[in-house]
Amino acid sequence: VDDHLMEISHVFRGEDHLSNTPKQIMIYEAFGWETPVFMHIPLI
């Protein structure tokens, strides 16, 4: 909800969030919202 309302275009975050991404994309699709560009960065 926040990323959509704040018009976030790119989500760069740690790859520990990778498993959350499909759930988030389902929510985007349920609202009919465009998804941002995702990049999951390997952890330190």
PDB file of all heavy atoms in Angstrom:
ATOM      1  N   VAL A   1       0.839  -1.201   0.000  1.00  0.00           N
ATOM      2  CA  VAL A   1       0.000   0.000   0.000  1.00  0.00           C
ATOM      3  C   VAL A   1       0.874   1.251   0.000  1.00  0.00           C
ATOM      4  O   VAL A   1       0.652   2.196  -0.763  1.00  0.00           O
ATOM      5  CB  VAL A   1      -0.950  -0.011   1.210  1.00  0.00           C
ATOM      6  CG1 VAL A   1      -1.703   1.318   1.318  1.00  0.00           C
ATOM      7  CG2 VAL A   1      -1.932  -1.173   1.108  1.00  0.00           C
ATOM      8  N   ASP A   2       1.893   1.248   0.860  1.00  0.00           N
ATOM      9  CA  ASP A   2       2.778   2.416   0.942  1.00  0.00           C
ATOM     10  C   ASP A   2       3.548   2.631  -0.360  1.00  0.00           C
ATOM     11  O   ASP A   2       3.649   3.757  -0.862  1.00  0.00           O
ATOM     12  CB  ASP A   2       3.768   2.244   2.089  1.00  0.00           C
ATOM     13  CG  ASP A   2       3.128   2.483   3.447  1.00  0.00           C
ATOM     14  OD1 ASP A   2       2.074   3.143   3.497  1.00  0.00           O
ATOM     15  OD2 ASP A   2       3.685   2.018   4.461  1.00  0.00           O
ATOM     16  N   ASP A   3       4.151   1.564  -0.886  1.00  0.00           N
ATOM     17  CA  ASP A   3       4.947   1.717  -2.113  1.00  0.00           C
ATOM     18  C   ASP A   3       4.084   2.222  -3.268  1.00  0.00           C
ATOM     19  O   ASP A   3       4.537   3.037  -4.079  1.00  0.00           O
ATOM     20  CB  ASP A   3       5.616   0.390  -2.486  1.00  0.00           C
ATOM     21  CG  ASP A   3       6.829   0.084  -1.615  1.00  0.00           C
ATOM     22  OD1 ASP A   3       7.270   0.989  -0.881  1.00  0.00           O
ATOM     23  OD2 ASP A   3       7.330  -1.054  -1.678  1.00  0.00           O
ATOM     24  N   HIS A   4       2.831   1.765  -3.323  1.00  0.00           N
ATOM     25  CA  HIS A   4       1.953   2.254  -4.393  1.00  0.00           C
ATOM     26  C   HIS A   4       1.599   3.722  -4.183  1.00  0.00           C
ATOM     27  O   HIS A   4       1.725   4.542  -5.116  1.00  0.00           O
ATOM     28  CB  HIS A   4       0.672   1.417  -4.454  1.00  0.00           C
ATOM     29  CG  HIS A   4      -0.354   1.991  -5.384  1.00  0.00           C
ATOM     30  ND1 HIS A   4      -0.224   1.938  -6.756  1.00  0.00           N
ATOM     31  CD2 HIS A   4      -1.516   2.676  -5.138  1.00  0.00           C
ATOM     32  CE1 HIS A   4      -1.254   2.547  -7.325  1.00  0.00           C
ATOM     33  NE2 HIS A   4      -2.056   3.004  -6.365  1.00  0.00           N
ATOM     34  N   LEU A   5       1.142   4.070  -2.998  1.00  0.00           N
ATOM     35  CA  LEU A   5       0.704   5.444  -2.746  1.00  0.00           C
ATOM     36  C   LEU A   5       1.869   6.431  -2.807  1.00  0.00           C
ATOM     37  O   LEU A   5       1.676   7.599  -3.157  1.00  0.00           O
ATOM     38  CB  LEU A   5       0.008   5.535  -1.380  1.00  0.00           C
ATOM     39  CG  LEU A   5      -1.303   4.751  -1.259  1.00  0.00           C
ATOM     40  CD1 LEU A   5      -1.895   4.922   0.136  1.00  0.00           C
ATOM     41  CD2 LEU A   5      -2.314   5.197  -2.323  1.00  0.00           C
ATOM     42  N   MET A   6       3.066   5.972  -2.482  1.00  0.00           N
ATOM     43  CA  MET A   6       4.243   6.841  -2.550  1.00  0.00           C
ATOM     44  C   MET A   6       4.909   6.796  -3.915  1.00  0.00           C
ATOM     45  O   MET A   6       5.976   7.370  -4.112  1.00  0.00           O
ATOM     46  CB  MET A   6       5.238   6.449  -1.444  1.00  0.00           C
ATOM     47  CG  MET A   6       4.700   6.688  -0.056  1.00  0.00           C
ATOM     48  SD  MET A   6       5.829   6.137   1.254  1.00  0.00           S
ATOM     49  CE  MET A   6       4.761   6.353   2.696  1.00  0.00           C
ATOM     50  N   GLU A   7       4.262   6.073  -4.851  1.00  0.00           N
ATOM     51  CA  GLU A   7       4.709   5.996  -6.248  1.00  0.00           C
ATOM     52  C   GLU A   7       6.156   5.522  -6.369  1.00  0.00           C
ATOM     53  O   GLU A   7       6.939   6.061  -7.157  1.00  0.00           O
ATOM     54  CB  GLU A   7       4.525   7.359  -6.935  1.00  0.00           C
ATOM     55  CG  GLU A   7       3.079   7.824  -6.956  1.00  0.00           C
ATOM     56  CD  GLU A   7       2.920   9.179  -7.620  1.00  0.00           C
ATOM     57  OE1 GLU A   7       3.820  10.042  -7.472  1.00  0.00           O
ATOM     58  OE2 GLU A   7       1.902   9.384  -8.302  1.00  0.00           O
ATOM     59  N   ILE A   8       6.499   4.500  -5.576  1.00  0.00           N
ATOM     60  CA  ILE A   8       7.851   3.937  -5.623  1.00  0.00           C
ATOM     61  C   ILE A   8       8.036   3.197  -6.953  1.00  0.00           C
ATOM     62  O   ILE A   8       7.256   2.311  -7.301  1.00  0.00           O
ATOM     63  CB  ILE A   8       8.079   2.988  -4.429  1.00  0.00           C
ATOM     64  CG1 ILE A   8       7.907   3.749  -3.104  1.00  0.00           C
ATOM     65  CG2 ILE A   8       9.445   2.331  -4.528  1.00  0.00           C
ATOM     66  CD1 ILE A   8       8.829   4.941  -2.933  1.00  0.00           C
ATOM     67  N   SER A   9       9.076   3.573  -7.687  1.00  0.00           N
ATOM     68  CA  SER A   9       9.305   2.979  -9.014  1.00  0.00           C
ATOM     69  C   SER A   9      10.211   1.760  -8.957  1.00  0.00           C
ATOM     70  O   SER A   9      10.098   0.857  -9.787  1.00  0.00           O
ATOM     71  CB  SER A   9       9.924   4.025  -9.953  1.00  0.00           C
ATOM     72  OG  SER A   9      11.192   4.460  -9.461  1.00  0.00           O
ATOM     73  N   HIS A  10      11.152   1.746  -7.993  1.00  0.00           N
ATOM     74  CA  HIS A  10      12.121   0.660  -7.875  1.00  0.00           C
ATOM     75  C   HIS A  10      12.238   0.252  -6.406  1.00  0.00           C
ATOM     76  O   HIS A  10      12.329   1.122  -5.524  1.00  0.00           O
ATOM     77  CB  HIS A  10      13.501   1.090  -8.369  1.00  0.00           C
ATOM     78  CG  HIS A  10      13.552   1.423  -9.835  1.00  0.00           C
ATOM     79  ND1 HIS A  10      12.986   2.569 -10.354  1.00  0.00           N
ATOM     80  CD2 HIS A  10      14.117   0.755 -10.892  1.00  0.00           C
ATOM     81  CE1 HIS A  10      13.195   2.603 -11.659  1.00  0.00           C
ATOM     82  NE2 HIS A  10      13.874   1.519 -12.020  1.00  0.00           N
ATOM     83  N   VAL A  11      12.234  -1.035  -6.158  1.00  0.00           N
ATOM     84  CA  VAL A  11      12.422  -1.561  -4.803  1.00  0.00           C
ATOM     85  C   VAL A  11      13.718  -2.343  -4.779  1.00  0.00           C
ATOM     86  O   VAL A  11      13.798  -3.462  -5.294  1.00  0.00           O
ATOM     87  CB  VAL A  11      11.235  -2.448  -4.370  1.00  0.00           C
ATOM     88  CG1 VAL A  11      11.530  -3.113  -3.027  1.00  0.00           C
ATOM     89  CG2 VAL A  11       9.948  -1.620  -4.287  1.00  0.00           C
ATOM     90  N   PHE A  12      14.758  -1.736  -4.217  1.00  0.00           N
ATOM     91  CA  PHE A  12      16.045  -2.402  -4.035  1.00  0.00           C
ATOM     92  C   PHE A  12      16.153  -2.789  -2.567  1.00  0.00           C
ATOM     93  O   PHE A  12      16.135  -1.924  -1.687  1.00  0.00           O
ATOM     94  CB  PHE A  12      17.207  -1.466  -4.391  1.00  0.00           C
ATOM     95  CG  PHE A  12      17.233  -0.994  -5.819  1.00  0.00           C
ATOM     96  CD1 PHE A  12      18.013   0.090  -6.187  1.00  0.00           C
ATOM     97  CD2 PHE A  12      16.488  -1.625  -6.802  1.00  0.00           C
ATOM     98  CE1 PHE A  12      18.048   0.532  -7.504  1.00  0.00           C
ATOM     99  CE2 PHE A  12      16.502  -1.200  -8.120  1.00  0.00           C
ATOM    100  CZ  PHE A  12      17.291  -0.112  -8.474  1.00  0.00           C
ATOM    101  N   ARG A  13      16.298  -4.079  -2.289  1.00  0.00           N
ATOM    102  CA  ARG A  13      16.348  -4.538  -0.901  1.00  0.00           C
ATOM    103  C   ARG A  13      17.125  -5.837  -0.813  1.00  0.00           C
ATOM    104  O   ARG A  13      17.493  -6.434  -1.833  1.00  0.00           O
ATOM    105  CB  ARG A  13      14.931  -4.721  -0.346  1.00  0.00           C
ATOM    106  CG  ARG A  13      14.069  -5.700  -1.141  1.00  0.00           C
ATOM    107  CD  ARG A  13      12.629  -5.648  -0.682  1.00  0.00           C
ATOM    108  NE  ARG A  13      11.764  -6.565  -1.430  1.00  0.00           N
ATOM    109  CZ  ARG A  13      10.440  -6.582  -1.324  1.00  0.00           C
ATOM    110  NH1 ARG A  13       9.831  -5.748  -0.505  1.00  0.00           N
ATOM    111  NH2 ARG A  13       9.728  -7.442  -2.024  1.00  0.00           N
ATOM    112  N   GLY A  14      17.387  -6.291   0.414  1.00  0.00           N
ATOM    113  CA  GLY A  14      18.146  -7.506   0.629  1.00  0.00           C
ATOM    114  C   GLY A  14      17.399  -8.734   0.140  1.00  0.00           C
ATOM    115  O   GLY A  14      16.157  -8.769   0.129  1.00  0.00           O
ATOM    116  N   GLU A  15      18.158  -9.758  -0.272  1.00  0.00           N
ATOM    117  CA  GLU A  15      17.518 -10.952  -0.825  1.00  0.00           C
ATOM    118  C   GLU A  15      16.787 -11.767   0.234  1.00  0.00           C
ATOM    119  O   GLU A  15      16.065 -12.705  -0.106  1.00  0.00           O
ATOM    120  CB  GLU A  15      18.537 -11.824  -1.562  1.00  0.00           C
ATOM    121  CG  GLU A  15      19.591 -12.450  -0.697  1.00  0.00           C
ATOM    122  CD  GLU A  15      20.564 -13.301  -1.513  1.00  0.00           C
ATOM    123  OE1 GLU A  15      20.484 -13.282  -2.748  1.00  0.00           O
ATOM    124  OE2 GLU A  15      21.407 -13.976  -0.890  1.00  0.00           O
ATOM    125  N   ASP A  16      16.925 -11.396   1.527  1.00  0.00           N
ATOM    126  CA  ASP A  16      16.131 -12.060   2.553  1.00  0.00           C
ATOM    127  C   ASP A  16      14.642 -11.714   2.398  1.00  0.00           C
ATOM    128  O   ASP A  16      13.791 -12.378   3.000  1.00  0.00           O
ATOM    129  CB  ASP A  16      16.623 -11.686   3.958  1.00  0.00           C
ATOM    130  CG  ASP A  16      16.747 -10.188   4.171  1.00  0.00           C
ATOM    131  OD1 ASP A  16      17.035  -9.466   3.205  1.00  0.00           O
ATOM    132  OD2 ASP A  16      16.580  -9.744   5.319  1.00  0.00           O
ATOM    133  N   HIS A  17      14.335 -10.684   1.600  1.00  0.00           N
ATOM    134  CA  HIS A  17      12.937 -10.326   1.334  1.00  0.00           C
ATOM    135  C   HIS A  17      12.378 -11.035   0.110  1.00  0.00           C
ATOM    136  O   HIS A  17      11.200 -10.844  -0.225  1.00  0.00           O
ATOM    137  CB  HIS A  17      12.816  -8.818   1.131  1.00  0.00           C
ATOM    138  CG  HIS A  17      12.910  -8.028   2.395  1.00  0.00           C
ATOM    139  ND1 HIS A  17      11.895  -7.981   3.335  1.00  0.00           N
ATOM    140  CD2 HIS A  17      13.914  -7.256   2.888  1.00  0.00           C
ATOM    141  CE1 HIS A  17      12.259  -7.210   4.337  1.00  0.00           C
ATOM    142  NE2 HIS A  17      13.483  -6.761   4.095  1.00  0.00           N
ATOM    143  N   LEU A  18      13.192 -11.836  -0.553  1.00  0.00           N
ATOM    144  CA  LEU A  18      12.758 -12.457  -1.812  1.00  0.00           C
ATOM    145  C   LEU A  18      11.498 -13.304  -1.625  1.00  0.00           C
ATOM    146  O   LEU A  18      10.588 -13.283  -2.456  1.00  0.00           O
ATOM    147  CB  LEU A  18      13.893 -13.303  -2.393  1.00  0.00           C
ATOM    148  CG  LEU A  18      13.677 -13.889  -3.785  1.00  0.00           C
ATOM    149  CD1 LEU A  18      13.432 -12.785  -4.803  1.00  0.00           C
ATOM    150  CD2 LEU A  18      14.886 -14.736  -4.192  1.00  0.00           C
ATOM    151  N   SER A  19      11.416 -14.021  -0.516  1.00  0.00           N
ATOM    152  CA  SER A  19      10.257 -14.892  -0.288  1.00  0.00           C
ATOM    153  C   SER A  19       8.980 -14.094  -0.040  1.00  0.00           C
ATOM    154  O   SER A  19       7.869 -14.644  -0.170  1.00  0.00           O
ATOM    155  CB  SER A  19      10.524 -15.824   0.902  1.00  0.00           C
ATOM    156  OG  SER A  19      10.754 -15.065   2.087  1.00  0.00           O
ATOM    157  N   ASN A  20       9.119 -12.820   0.342  1.00  0.00           N
ATOM    158  CA  ASN A  20       7.932 -11.980   0.540  1.00  0.00           C
ATOM    159  C   ASN A  20       7.368 -11.462  -0.775  1.00  0.00           C
ATOM    160  O   ASN A  20       6.190 -11.114  -0.859  1.00  0.00           O
ATOM    161  CB  ASN A  20       8.280 -10.763   1.414  1.00  0.00           C
ATOM    162  CG  ASN A  20       8.611 -11.134   2.843  1.00  0.00           C
ATOM    163  OD1 ASN A  20       7.945 -11.977   3.424  1.00  0.00           O
ATOM    164  ND2 ASN A  20       9.624 -10.503   3.397  1.00  0.00           N
ATOM    165  N   THR A  21       8.207 -11.403  -1.794  1.00  0.00           N
ATOM    166  CA  THR A  21       7.829 -10.718  -3.029  1.00  0.00           C
ATOM    167  C   THR A  21       6.605 -11.319  -3.716  1.00  0.00           C
ATOM    168  O   THR A  21       5.724 -10.569  -4.164  1.00  0.00           O
ATOM    169  CB  THR A  21       9.031 -10.651  -3.980  1.00  0.00           C
ATOM    170  OG1 THR A  21      10.140 -10.095  -3.273  1.00  0.00           O
ATOM    171  CG2 THR A  21       8.731  -9.782  -5.180  1.00  0.00           C
ATOM    172  N   PRO A  22       6.467 -12.652  -3.841  1.00  0.00           N
ATOM    173  CA  PRO A  22       5.258 -13.162  -4.517  1.00  0.00           C
ATOM    174  C   PRO A  22       3.971 -12.757  -3.799  1.00  0.00           C
ATOM    175  O   PRO A  22       2.977 -12.429  -4.464  1.00  0.00           O
ATOM    176  CB  PRO A  22       5.458 -14.680  -4.520  1.00  0.00           C
ATOM    177  CG  PRO A  22       6.525 -14.956  -3.527  1.00  0.00           C
ATOM    178  CD  PRO A  22       7.396 -13.743  -3.518  1.00  0.00           C
ATOM    179  N   LYS A  23       3.977 -12.737  -2.473  1.00  0.00           N
ATOM    180  CA  LYS A  23       2.777 -12.299  -1.745  1.00  0.00           C
ATOM    181  C   LYS A  23       2.464 -10.840  -2.062  1.00  0.00           C
ATOM    182  O   LYS A  23       1.312 -10.449  -2.248  1.00  0.00           O
ATOM    183  CB  LYS A  23       2.987 -12.470  -0.242  1.00  0.00           C
ATOM    184  CG  LYS A  23       3.083 -13.910   0.230  1.00  0.00           C
ATOM    185  CD  LYS A  23       3.281 -13.983   1.737  1.00  0.00           C
ATOM    186  CE  LYS A  23       3.386 -15.431   2.215  1.00  0.00           C
ATOM    187  NZ  LYS A  23       3.603 -15.509   3.693  1.00  0.00           N
ATOM    188  N   GLN A  24       3.526 -10.036  -2.125  1.00  0.00           N
ATOM    189  CA  GLN A  24       3.318  -8.610  -2.403  1.00  0.00           C
ATOM    190  C   GLN A  24       2.806  -8.396  -3.825  1.00  0.00           C
ATOM    191  O   GLN A  24       1.932  -7.559  -4.063  1.00  0.00           O
ATOM    192  CB  GLN A  24       4.620  -7.854  -2.141  1.00  0.00           C
ATOM    193  CG  GLN A  24       5.016  -7.853  -0.664  1.00  0.00           C
ATOM    194  CD  GLN A  24       6.403  -7.302  -0.409  1.00  0.00           C
ATOM    195  OE1 GLN A  24       6.996  -6.672  -1.281  1.00  0.00           O
ATOM    196  NE2 GLN A  24       6.931  -7.554   0.780  1.00  0.00           N
ATOM    197  N   ILE A  25       3.329  -9.155  -4.774  1.00  0.00           N
ATOM    198  CA  ILE A  25       2.868  -9.012  -6.159  1.00  0.00           C
ATOM    199  C   ILE A  25       1.400  -9.436  -6.279  1.00  0.00           C
ATOM    200  O   ILE A  25       0.616  -8.814  -7.006  1.00  0.00           O
ATOM    201  CB  ILE A  25       3.771  -9.830  -7.099  1.00  0.00           C
ATOM    202  CG1 ILE A  25       5.143  -9.142  -7.200  1.00  0.00           C
ATOM    203  CG2 ILE A  25       3.141  -9.973  -8.471  1.00  0.00           C
ATOM    204  CD1 ILE A  25       6.150  -9.864  -8.036  1.00  0.00           C
ATOM    205  N   MET A  26       1.003 -10.470  -5.518  1.00  0.00           N
ATOM    206  CA  MET A  26      -0.412 -10.857  -5.510  1.00  0.00           C
ATOM    207  C   MET A  26      -1.295  -9.699  -5.057  1.00  0.00           C
ATOM    208  O   MET A  26      -2.389  -9.480  -5.612  1.00  0.00           O
ATOM    209  CB  MET A  26      -0.621 -12.049  -4.570  1.00  0.00           C
ATOM    210  CG  MET A  26      -0.043 -13.361  -5.051  1.00  0.00           C
ATOM    211  SD  MET A  26      -0.288 -14.639  -3.782  1.00  0.00           S
ATOM    212  CE  MET A  26       0.713 -15.962  -4.443  1.00  0.00           C
ATOM    213  N   ILE A  27      -0.844  -8.964  -4.065  1.00  0.00           N
ATOM    214  CA  ILE A  27      -1.628  -7.825  -3.565  1.00  0.00           C
ATOM    215  C   ILE A  27      -1.673  -6.720  -4.607  1.00  0.00           C
ATOM    216  O   ILE A  27      -2.728  -6.120  -4.855  1.00  0.00           O
ATOM    217  CB  ILE A  27      -1.042  -7.323  -2.224  1.00  0.00           C
ATOM    218  CG1 ILE A  27      -1.167  -8.421  -1.151  1.00  0.00           C
ATOM    219  CG2 ILE A  27      -1.757  -6.058  -1.765  1.00  0.00           C
ATOM    220  CD1 ILE A  27      -0.430  -8.109   0.153  1.00  0.00           C
ATOM    221  N   TYR A  28      -0.532  -6.445  -5.238  1.00  0.00           N
ATOM    222  CA  TYR A  28      -0.529  -5.459  -6.326  1.00  0.00           C
ATOM    223  C   TYR A  28      -1.567  -5.841  -7.382  1.00  0.00           C
ATOM    224  O   TYR A  28      -2.363  -5.001  -7.853  1.00  0.00           O
ATOM    225  CB  TYR A  28       0.851  -5.403  -6.996  1.00  0.00           C
ATOM    226  CG  TYR A  28       1.859  -4.510  -6.331  1.00  0.00           C
ATOM    227  CD1 TYR A  28       2.916  -5.045  -5.586  1.00  0.00           C
ATOM    228  CD2 TYR A  28       1.787  -3.124  -6.457  1.00  0.00           C
ATOM    229  CE1 TYR A  28       3.863  -4.229  -4.982  1.00  0.00           C
ATOM    230  CE2 TYR A  28       2.731  -2.300  -5.860  1.00  0.00           C
ATOM    231  CZ  TYR A  28       3.767  -2.857  -5.129  1.00  0.00           C
ATOM    232  OH  TYR A  28       4.698  -2.042  -4.535  1.00  0.00           O
ATOM    233  N   GLU A  29      -1.551  -7.104  -7.791  1.00  0.00           N
ATOM    234  CA  GLU A  29      -2.446  -7.552  -8.852  1.00  0.00           C
ATOM    235  C   GLU A  29      -3.907  -7.509  -8.415  1.00  0.00           C
ATOM    236  O   GLU A  29      -4.794  -7.189  -9.212  1.00  0.00           O
ATOM    237  CB  GLU A  29      -2.053  -8.959  -9.291  1.00  0.00           C
ATOM    238  CG  GLU A  29      -0.701  -8.992 -10.007  1.00  0.00           C
ATOM    239  CD  GLU A  29      -0.233 -10.400 -10.322  1.00  0.00           C
ATOM    240  OE1 GLU A  29      -0.806 -11.357  -9.758  1.00  0.00           O
ATOM    241  OE2 GLU A  29       0.708 -10.548 -11.135  1.00  0.00           O
ATOM    242  N   ALA A  30      -4.160  -7.806  -7.134  1.00  0.00           N
ATOM    243  CA  ALA A  30      -5.538  -7.766  -6.629  1.00  0.00           C
ATOM    244  C   ALA A  30      -6.110  -6.349  -6.705  1.00  0.00           C
ATOM    245  O   ALA A  30      -7.301  -6.155  -6.967  1.00  0.00           O
ATOM    246  CB  ALA A  30      -5.586  -8.279  -5.195  1.00  0.00           C
ATOM    247  N   PHE A  31      -5.277  -5.350  -6.498  1.00  0.00           N
ATOM    248  CA  PHE A  31      -5.717  -3.961  -6.598  1.00  0.00           C
ATOM    249  C   PHE A  31      -5.681  -3.443  -8.038  1.00  0.00           C
ATOM    250  O   PHE A  31      -6.211  -2.366  -8.324  1.00  0.00           O
ATOM    251  CB  PHE A  31      -4.817  -3.056  -5.744  1.00  0.00           C
ATOM    252  CG  PHE A  31      -5.148  -3.062  -4.268  1.00  0.00           C
ATOM    253  CD1 PHE A  31      -4.232  -3.532  -3.340  1.00  0.00           C
ATOM    254  CD2 PHE A  31      -6.367  -2.575  -3.821  1.00  0.00           C
ATOM    255  CE1 PHE A  31      -4.528  -3.514  -1.985  1.00  0.00           C
ATOM    256  CE2 PHE A  31      -6.676  -2.559  -2.460  1.00  0.00           C
ATOM    257  CZ  PHE A  31      -5.751  -3.028  -1.542  1.00  0.00           C
ATOM    258  N   GLY A  32      -5.032  -4.191  -8.930  1.00  0.00           N
ATOM    259  CA  GLY A  32      -4.871  -3.713 -10.294  1.00  0.00           C
ATOM    260  C   GLY A  32      -3.792  -2.651 -10.414  1.00  0.00           C
ATOM    261  O   GLY A  32      -3.840  -1.805 -11.321  1.00  0.00           O
ATOM    262  N   TRP A  33      -2.827  -2.693  -9.518  1.00  0.00           N
ATOM    263  CA  TRP A  33      -1.749  -1.703  -9.504  1.00  0.00           C
ATOM    264  C   TRP A  33      -0.538  -2.219 -10.269  1.00  0.00           C
ATOM    265  O   TRP A  33      -0.266  -3.420 -10.315  1.00  0.00           O
ATOM    266  CB  TRP A  33      -1.312  -1.384  -8.085  1.00  0.00           C
ATOM    267  CG  TRP A  33      -2.344  -0.708  -7.235  1.00  0.00           C
ATOM    268  CD1 TRP A  33      -3.444  -0.026  -7.663  1.00  0.00           C
ATOM    269  CD2 TRP A  33      -2.372  -0.672  -5.802  1.00  0.00           C
ATOM    270  NE1 TRP A  33      -4.154   0.456  -6.597  1.00  0.00           N
ATOM    271  CE2 TRP A  33      -3.526   0.088  -5.436  1.00  0.00           C
ATOM    272  CE3 TRP A  33      -1.560  -1.179  -4.799  1.00  0.00           C
ATOM    273  CZ2 TRP A  33      -3.859   0.327  -4.108  1.00  0.00           C
ATOM    274  CZ3 TRP A  33      -1.881  -0.935  -3.474  1.00  0.00           C
ATOM    275  CH2 TRP A  33      -3.020  -0.193  -3.135  1.00  0.00           C
ATOM    276  N   GLU A  34       0.215  -1.278 -10.838  1.00  0.00           N
ATOM    277  CA  GLU A  34       1.477  -1.627 -11.505  1.00  0.00           C
ATOM    278  C   GLU A  34       2.538  -1.943 -10.455  1.00  0.00           C
ATOM    279  O   GLU A  34       2.649  -1.239  -9.442  1.00  0.00           O
ATOM    280  CB  GLU A  34       1.937  -0.451 -12.370  1.00  0.00           C
ATOM    281  CG  GLU A  34       3.193  -0.747 -13.174  1.00  0.00           C
ATOM    282  CD  GLU A  34       3.605   0.427 -14.044  1.00  0.00           C
ATOM    283  OE1 GLU A  34       2.816   1.401 -14.160  1.00  0.00           O
ATOM    284  OE2 GLU A  34       4.720   0.379 -14.602  1.00  0.00           O
ATOM    285  N   THR A  35       3.307  -2.984 -10.678  1.00  0.00           N
ATOM    286  CA  THR A  35       4.358  -3.338  -9.719  1.00  0.00           C
ATOM    287  C   THR A  35       5.630  -2.540 -10.003  1.00  0.00           C
ATOM    288  O   THR A  35       5.908  -2.211 -11.159  1.00  0.00           O
ATOM    289  CB  THR A  35       4.691  -4.838  -9.778  1.00  0.00           C
ATOM    290  OG1 THR A  35       5.097  -5.157 -11.110  1.00  0.00           O
ATOM    291  CG2 THR A  35       3.499  -5.684  -9.382  1.00  0.00           C
ATOM    292  N   PRO A  36       6.402  -2.239  -8.964  1.00  0.00           N
ATOM    293  CA  PRO A  36       7.690  -1.565  -9.185  1.00  0.00           C
ATOM    294  C   PRO A  36       8.714  -2.551  -9.736  1.00  0.00           C
ATOM    295  O   PRO A  36       8.452  -3.754  -9.823  1.00  0.00           O
ATOM    296  CB  PRO A  36       8.078  -1.095  -7.786  1.00  0.00           C
ATOM    297  CG  PRO A  36       7.428  -2.077  -6.861  1.00  0.00           C
ATOM    298  CD  PRO A  36       6.145  -2.486  -7.541  1.00  0.00           C
ATOM    299  N   VAL A  37       9.872  -2.043 -10.112  1.00  0.00           N
ATOM    300  CA  VAL A  37      10.998  -2.893 -10.511  1.00  0.00           C
ATOM    301  C   VAL A  37      11.649  -3.410  -9.234  1.00  0.00           C
ATOM    302  O   VAL A  37      12.004  -2.631  -8.351  1.00  0.00           O
ATOM    303  CB  VAL A  37      12.027  -2.102 -11.343  1.00  0.00           C
ATOM    304  CG1 VAL A  37      13.244  -2.972 -11.655  1.00  0.00           C
ATOM    305  CG2 VAL A  37      11.383  -1.580 -12.616  1.00  0.00           C
ATOM    306  N   PHE A  38      11.817  -4.715  -9.135  1.00  0.00           N
ATOM    307  CA  PHE A  38      12.423  -5.307  -7.943  1.00  0.00           C
ATOM    308  C   PHE A  38      13.880  -5.679  -8.189  1.00  0.00           C
ATOM    309  O   PHE A  38      14.243  -6.120  -9.285  1.00  0.00           O
ATOM    310  CB  PHE A  38      11.662  -6.575  -7.522  1.00  0.00           C
ATOM    311  CG  PHE A  38      10.325  -6.299  -6.900  1.00  0.00           C
ATOM    312  CD1 PHE A  38       9.155  -6.430  -7.647  1.00  0.00           C
ATOM    313  CD2 PHE A  38      10.216  -5.909  -5.570  1.00  0.00           C
ATOM    314  CE1 PHE A  38       7.909  -6.191  -7.087  1.00  0.00           C
ATOM    315  CE2 PHE A  38       8.975  -5.669  -4.997  1.00  0.00           C
ATOM    316  CZ  PHE A  38       7.822  -5.808  -5.756  1.00  0.00           C
ATOM    317  N   MET A  39      14.699  -5.492  -7.175  1.00  0.00           N
ATOM    318  CA  MET A  39      16.062  -6.008  -7.194  1.00  0.00           C
ATOM    319  C   MET A  39      16.403  -6.481  -5.788  1.00  0.00           C
ATOM    320  O   MET A  39      16.322  -5.709  -4.826  1.00  0.00           O
ATOM    321  CB  MET A  39      17.074  -4.938  -7.631  1.00  0.00           C
ATOM    322  CG  MET A  39      18.508  -5.486  -7.683  1.00  0.00           C
ATOM    323  SD  MET A  39      19.708  -4.310  -8.365  1.00  0.00           S
ATOM    324  CE  MET A  39      19.878  -3.180  -6.994  1.00  0.00           C
ATOM    325  N   HIS A  40      16.759  -7.751  -5.670  1.00  0.00           N
ATOM    326  CA  HIS A  40      17.097  -8.333  -4.372  1.00  0.00           C
ATOM    327  C   HIS A  40      18.604  -8.556  -4.297  1.00  0.00           C
ATOM    328  O   HIS A  40      19.161  -9.357  -5.037  1.00  0.00           O
ATOM    329  CB  HIS A  40      16.311  -9.621  -4.158  1.00  0.00           C
ATOM    330  CG  HIS A  40      14.832  -9.379  -4.015  1.00  0.00           C
ATOM    331  ND1 HIS A  40      13.990  -9.317  -5.098  1.00  0.00           N
ATOM    332  CD2 HIS A  40      14.079  -9.139  -2.914  1.00  0.00           C
ATOM    333  CE1 HIS A  40      12.761  -9.073  -4.676  1.00  0.00           C
ATOM    334  NE2 HIS A  40      12.784  -8.963  -3.362  1.00  0.00           N
ATOM    335  N   ILE A  41      19.234  -7.810  -3.395  1.00  0.00           N
ATOM    336  CA  ILE A  41      20.695  -7.757  -3.302  1.00  0.00           C
ATOM    337  C   ILE A  41      21.199  -8.841  -2.342  1.00  0.00           C
ATOM    338  O   ILE A  41      20.665  -8.982  -1.235  1.00  0.00           O
ATOM    339  CB  ILE A  41      21.131  -6.373  -2.785  1.00  0.00           C
ATOM    340  CG1 ILE A  41      20.534  -5.270  -3.669  1.00  0.00           C
ATOM    341  CG2 ILE A  41      22.644  -6.260  -2.732  1.00  0.00           C
ATOM    342  CD1 ILE A  41      20.613  -3.882  -3.054  1.00  0.00           C
ATOM    343  N   PRO A  42      22.209  -9.619  -2.748  1.00  0.00           N
ATOM    344  CA  PRO A  42      22.775 -10.624  -1.840  1.00  0.00           C
ATOM    345  C   PRO A  42      23.200  -9.996  -0.512  1.00  0.00           C
ATOM    346  O   PRO A  42      23.642  -8.841  -0.467  1.00  0.00           O
ATOM    347  CB  PRO A  42      23.979 -11.164  -2.610  1.00  0.00           C
ATOM    348  CG  PRO A  42      23.612 -10.964  -4.036  1.00  0.00           C
ATOM    349  CD  PRO A  42      22.845  -9.669  -4.073  1.00  0.00           C
ATOM    350  N   LEU A  43      23.088 -10.762   0.549  1.00  0.00           N
ATOM    351  CA  LEU A  43      23.376 -10.255   1.889  1.00  0.00           C
ATOM    352  C   LEU A  43      24.878 -10.125   2.119  1.00  0.00           C
ATOM    353  O   LEU A  43      25.697 -10.785   1.466  1.00  0.00           O
ATOM    354  CB  LEU A  43      22.773 -11.191   2.937  1.00  0.00           C
ATOM    355  CG  LEU A  43      21.259 -11.409   2.860  1.00  0.00           C
ATOM    356  CD1 LEU A  43      20.820 -12.349   3.977  1.00  0.00           C
ATOM    357  CD2 LEU A  43      20.502 -10.089   2.947  1.00  0.00           C
ATOM    358  N   ILE A  44      25.223  -9.274   3.080  1.00  0.00           N
ATOM    359  CA  ILE A  44      26.604  -9.214   3.552  1.00  0.00           C
ATOM    360  C   ILE A  44      26.816 -10.391   4.492  1.00  0.00           C
ATOM    361  O   ILE A  44      25.991 -10.664   5.368  1.00  0.00           O
ATOM    362  CB  ILE A  44      26.862  -7.882   4.291  1.00  0.00           C
ATOM    363  CG1 ILE A  44      26.681  -6.707   3.322  1.00  0.00           C
ATOM    364  CG2 ILE A  44      28.264  -7.865   4.877  1.00  0.00           C
ATOM    365  CD1 ILE A  44      26.836  -5.346   3.991  1.00  0.00           C
TER     366      ILE A  44
END
